[in-house]
Protein backbone atom coordinates (compact mmCIF):
# COMPACT_ATOMS: atom_id res chain seq x y z
CA MET A 1 88.64 118.61 95.78
CA PRO A 2 88.81 116.67 99.05
CA THR A 3 90.70 118.14 102.03
CA ILE A 4 93.60 115.68 102.89
CA ALA A 5 95.89 115.17 105.82
CA ILE A 6 98.92 113.06 105.74
CA PHE A 7 100.39 110.65 108.39
CA ALA A 8 103.79 109.17 108.08
CA VAL A 9 106.51 108.61 110.76
CA GLU A 10 109.39 109.34 108.49
CA SER A 11 109.74 112.96 107.45
CA THR A 12 110.83 112.11 103.96
CA ARG A 13 107.80 109.97 103.42
CA ARG A 14 105.68 112.76 104.65
CA VAL A 15 107.06 115.00 102.04
CA ASP A 16 106.36 112.61 99.32
CA LEU A 17 102.78 112.01 100.36
CA GLU A 18 102.31 115.78 100.75
CA ARG A 19 103.24 116.11 97.09
CA VAL A 20 100.76 113.41 96.20
CA ALA A 21 98.04 115.09 98.20
CA ARG A 22 98.59 118.41 96.56
CA ALA A 23 98.17 116.87 93.07
CA ILE A 24 94.59 115.30 93.94
CA GLY A 25 93.25 117.70 96.59
CA THR A 26 93.87 120.30 99.28
CA LEU A 27 96.57 119.56 101.73
CA VAL A 28 95.50 120.50 105.27
CA ASP A 29 98.49 119.29 107.31
CA SER A 30 100.71 116.36 108.13
CA ALA A 31 101.49 114.33 111.26
CA GLY A 32 104.30 112.08 112.25
CA ASP A 33 102.73 110.34 115.27
CA VAL A 34 99.32 109.27 116.28
CA VAL A 35 98.84 111.89 119.03
CA ALA A 36 99.61 114.69 116.62
CA LEU A 37 97.19 113.20 114.08
CA ARG A 38 94.35 113.04 116.59
CA ARG A 39 94.93 116.76 117.55
CA LEU A 40 94.93 117.61 113.75
CA LEU A 41 91.75 115.81 113.20
CA GLU A 42 90.17 117.53 116.34
CA ARG A 43 91.02 121.04 115.18
CA ARG A 44 90.71 120.86 111.39
CA SER A 45 88.14 119.50 109.12
CA VAL A 46 89.65 116.78 107.13
CA GLU A 47 87.85 114.54 104.65
CA VAL A 48 90.63 112.04 103.98
CA VAL A 49 93.80 110.87 105.76
CA VAL A 50 96.50 109.23 103.54
CA THR A 51 98.63 107.26 105.74
CA ASP A 52 101.81 105.07 105.75
CA GLY A 53 102.46 103.10 108.95
CA LEU A 54 99.30 103.55 110.72
CA GLY A 55 98.21 100.32 112.33
CA ALA A 56 94.76 98.73 112.31
CA THR A 57 94.23 99.43 116.19
CA ASP A 58 95.00 103.32 115.73
CA VAL A 59 92.89 103.46 112.59
CA ALA A 60 89.84 101.86 114.39
CA ALA A 61 90.03 104.33 117.25
CA LEU A 62 90.41 107.36 115.10
CA ALA A 63 87.67 106.25 112.64
CA ALA A 64 85.30 105.77 115.67
CA ASP A 65 86.06 109.29 116.80
CA HIS A 66 86.01 110.90 113.27
CA SER A 67 83.22 109.04 111.42
CA ALA A 68 83.25 111.70 108.46
CA THR A 69 86.95 111.07 107.84
CA ARG A 70 87.98 108.55 105.44
CA PHE A 71 91.30 106.64 105.90
CA LEU A 72 93.45 105.41 102.95
CA VAL A 73 96.33 103.34 104.21
CA LEU A 74 99.48 102.39 102.36
CA ALA A 75 100.61 99.09 103.65
CA ASP A 76 101.74 95.66 102.62
CA GLY A 77 99.57 92.75 102.21
CA ASP A 78 100.01 91.23 105.50
CA GLU A 79 98.33 93.94 107.29
CA ALA A 80 95.37 94.48 104.84
CA THR A 81 92.81 92.22 106.30
CA ASP A 82 93.17 93.82 109.71
CA LEU A 83 92.97 97.32 108.24
CA VAL A 84 89.92 96.49 106.27
CA LEU A 85 88.19 95.17 109.46
CA ALA A 86 89.35 98.30 111.11
CA GLY A 87 87.12 100.27 108.73
CA VAL A 88 89.57 101.91 106.25
CA ALA A 89 88.31 103.18 102.95
CA ALA A 90 91.16 101.75 101.02
CA VAL A 91 94.38 99.61 101.49
CA LEU A 92 96.82 100.38 98.75
CA PRO A 93 100.42 99.40 97.99
CA GLN A 94 102.98 101.40 99.64
CA GLU A 95 104.27 102.32 96.16
CA ALA A 96 100.98 103.70 94.92
CA ASP A 97 101.08 106.81 92.82
CA SER A 98 99.02 109.97 92.91
CA GLU A 99 96.76 108.41 90.12
CA THR A 100 95.93 105.42 92.11
CA ILE A 101 95.48 107.27 95.34
CA GLY A 102 93.12 109.61 93.48
CA ALA A 103 91.11 106.78 92.05
CA ALA A 104 90.73 105.36 95.57
CA LEU A 105 89.44 108.63 96.87
CA VAL A 106 86.76 108.77 94.12
CA LEU A 107 85.67 105.31 95.07
CA ALA A 108 85.68 106.09 98.77
CA GLY A 109 83.63 109.27 97.94
CA GLN A 110 80.99 107.03 96.53
CA ASP A 111 80.91 104.91 99.73
CA LEU A 112 82.82 102.02 98.11
CA ARG A 113 85.92 100.33 99.54
CA LEU A 114 89.08 99.28 97.84
CA LEU A 115 90.97 96.27 99.18
CA PRO A 116 93.89 94.07 98.01
CA ARG A 117 92.85 90.68 96.58
CA SER A 118 94.73 88.95 99.41
CA ALA A 119 92.53 90.62 101.92
CA LEU A 120 89.42 89.59 100.09
CA ASP A 121 90.65 86.00 99.92
CA ARG A 122 91.17 86.04 103.71
CA LEU A 123 87.92 87.62 104.31
CA ARG A 124 86.27 84.90 102.39
CA VAL A 125 88.06 82.37 104.52
CA LEU A 126 86.92 83.84 107.68
CA ALA A 127 83.37 83.84 106.24
CA GLY A 128 83.62 80.11 105.22
CA ALA A 129 83.21 80.93 101.55
CA GLU A 130 86.54 79.95 100.30
CA PRO A 131 86.01 77.11 97.71
CA VAL A 132 88.08 73.96 98.04
CA ALA A 133 90.75 74.09 95.55
CA SER A 134 91.60 70.47 95.10
CA SER A 135 90.01 67.01 95.00
CA GLU A 136 91.43 66.28 98.37
CA GLU A 137 88.64 66.39 101.04
CA ALA A 138 88.98 69.39 103.16
CA PRO A 139 88.54 68.77 106.99
CA GLU A 140 85.56 70.60 108.81
CA LEU A 141 87.01 73.48 110.59
CA THR A 142 84.81 75.52 113.12
CA PRO A 143 84.35 79.28 112.46
CA ARG A 144 86.83 79.98 115.34
CA GLU A 145 89.30 77.49 113.83
CA ARG A 146 89.09 79.27 110.62
CA GLU A 147 89.92 82.63 112.33
CA VAL A 148 92.91 81.09 114.02
CA LEU A 149 94.08 79.47 110.80
CA ALA A 150 93.90 82.89 109.13
CA ALA A 151 96.08 84.28 111.91
CA MET A 152 98.43 81.48 111.55
CA ALA A 153 98.86 82.29 107.90
CA ASP A 154 99.70 85.80 109.01
CA GLY A 155 102.63 84.28 111.00
CA ALA A 156 100.96 85.01 114.35
CA SER A 157 102.14 83.24 117.47
CA ASN A 158 99.78 81.62 119.97
CA LYS A 159 100.20 84.77 122.10
CA ILE A 160 99.26 87.12 119.34
CA ILE A 161 96.26 84.83 118.21
CA ALA A 162 94.96 85.08 121.57
CA ARG A 163 95.30 88.87 121.80
CA ARG A 164 93.80 89.23 118.33
CA LEU A 165 90.81 87.09 118.93
CA GLY A 166 90.17 87.84 122.43
CA ILE A 167 90.82 84.39 123.82
CA SER A 168 93.13 83.01 126.42
CA PHE A 169 96.56 81.62 125.33
CA HIS A 170 95.60 78.14 126.33
CA THR A 171 92.44 78.24 124.12
CA ALA A 172 94.60 79.57 121.22
CA LYS A 173 96.99 76.77 121.89
CA PHE A 174 94.07 74.21 121.83
CA HIS A 175 92.63 75.54 118.54
CA VAL A 176 96.09 75.50 116.90
CA ALA A 177 96.43 71.80 118.02
CA SER A 178 93.00 70.89 116.80
CA ILE A 179 93.71 72.43 113.40
CA LEU A 180 97.11 70.40 113.09
CA SER A 181 95.12 67.27 114.07
CA LYS A 182 92.33 67.89 111.45
CA LEU A 183 94.87 68.67 108.73
CA ASP A 184 96.93 65.75 109.63
CA ALA A 185 99.96 67.85 110.22
CA GLU A 186 102.83 67.72 112.60
CA THR A 187 103.94 71.40 112.17
CA ARG A 188 102.37 74.71 111.58
CA THR A 189 104.19 74.90 108.20
CA GLU A 190 102.84 71.56 107.14
CA ALA A 191 99.27 72.59 108.27
CA LEU A 192 99.42 75.86 106.38
CA ALA A 193 100.75 74.17 103.26
CA ARG A 194 97.92 71.64 103.23
CA ALA A 195 95.27 74.31 104.01
CA ALA A 196 96.49 76.30 101.09
CA ARG A 197 96.22 73.33 98.74
CA LEU A 198 92.58 72.83 100.02
CA GLY A 199 91.67 76.48 99.49
CA LEU A 200 91.22 77.02 103.23
CA VAL A 201 93.74 79.78 103.49
CA MET A 202 95.70 82.18 101.19
CA LEU A 203 99.48 82.41 101.80
């Protein structure tokens, strides 16, 4: 049975997840903030952290310092792609029950990863593998423009796109303008609608 730690900001949620952890493994401890979780992982041997509310940046930092620990994150679909790229073992719906979490633990123990279909679709877009979904001809987007388009689909502003991709605000703005031009759209909403029809992005 795996040793499990729980992370959740809300105490009631921690209690719920602790109950799930006891059903599928050995509960080590729980934490309500990232500093407490880091201290917990430094002093205790934890194979799996089941979290609700842990962001991709924190997951990436913790995973880098604790490579033997697997992270299973309960999150909505909008965060899934960033979490997968951060190295989580599984992204599960927030309402996942102990059976689902247990199955994810088994897969993670076999060095497999579990991710939502929406995250897989977005990763295919980023990789340029998403097929065109209509007879309408899709414009040629550069790899960077595809990354920007995926961020736009997440609702990211130019400032957030710049921060996420490590580019300047003006460069992000330039890429957005280029995407709108290539998609013959006047607004972001219109561009995303056309991109979705062409299979360039999943909304």
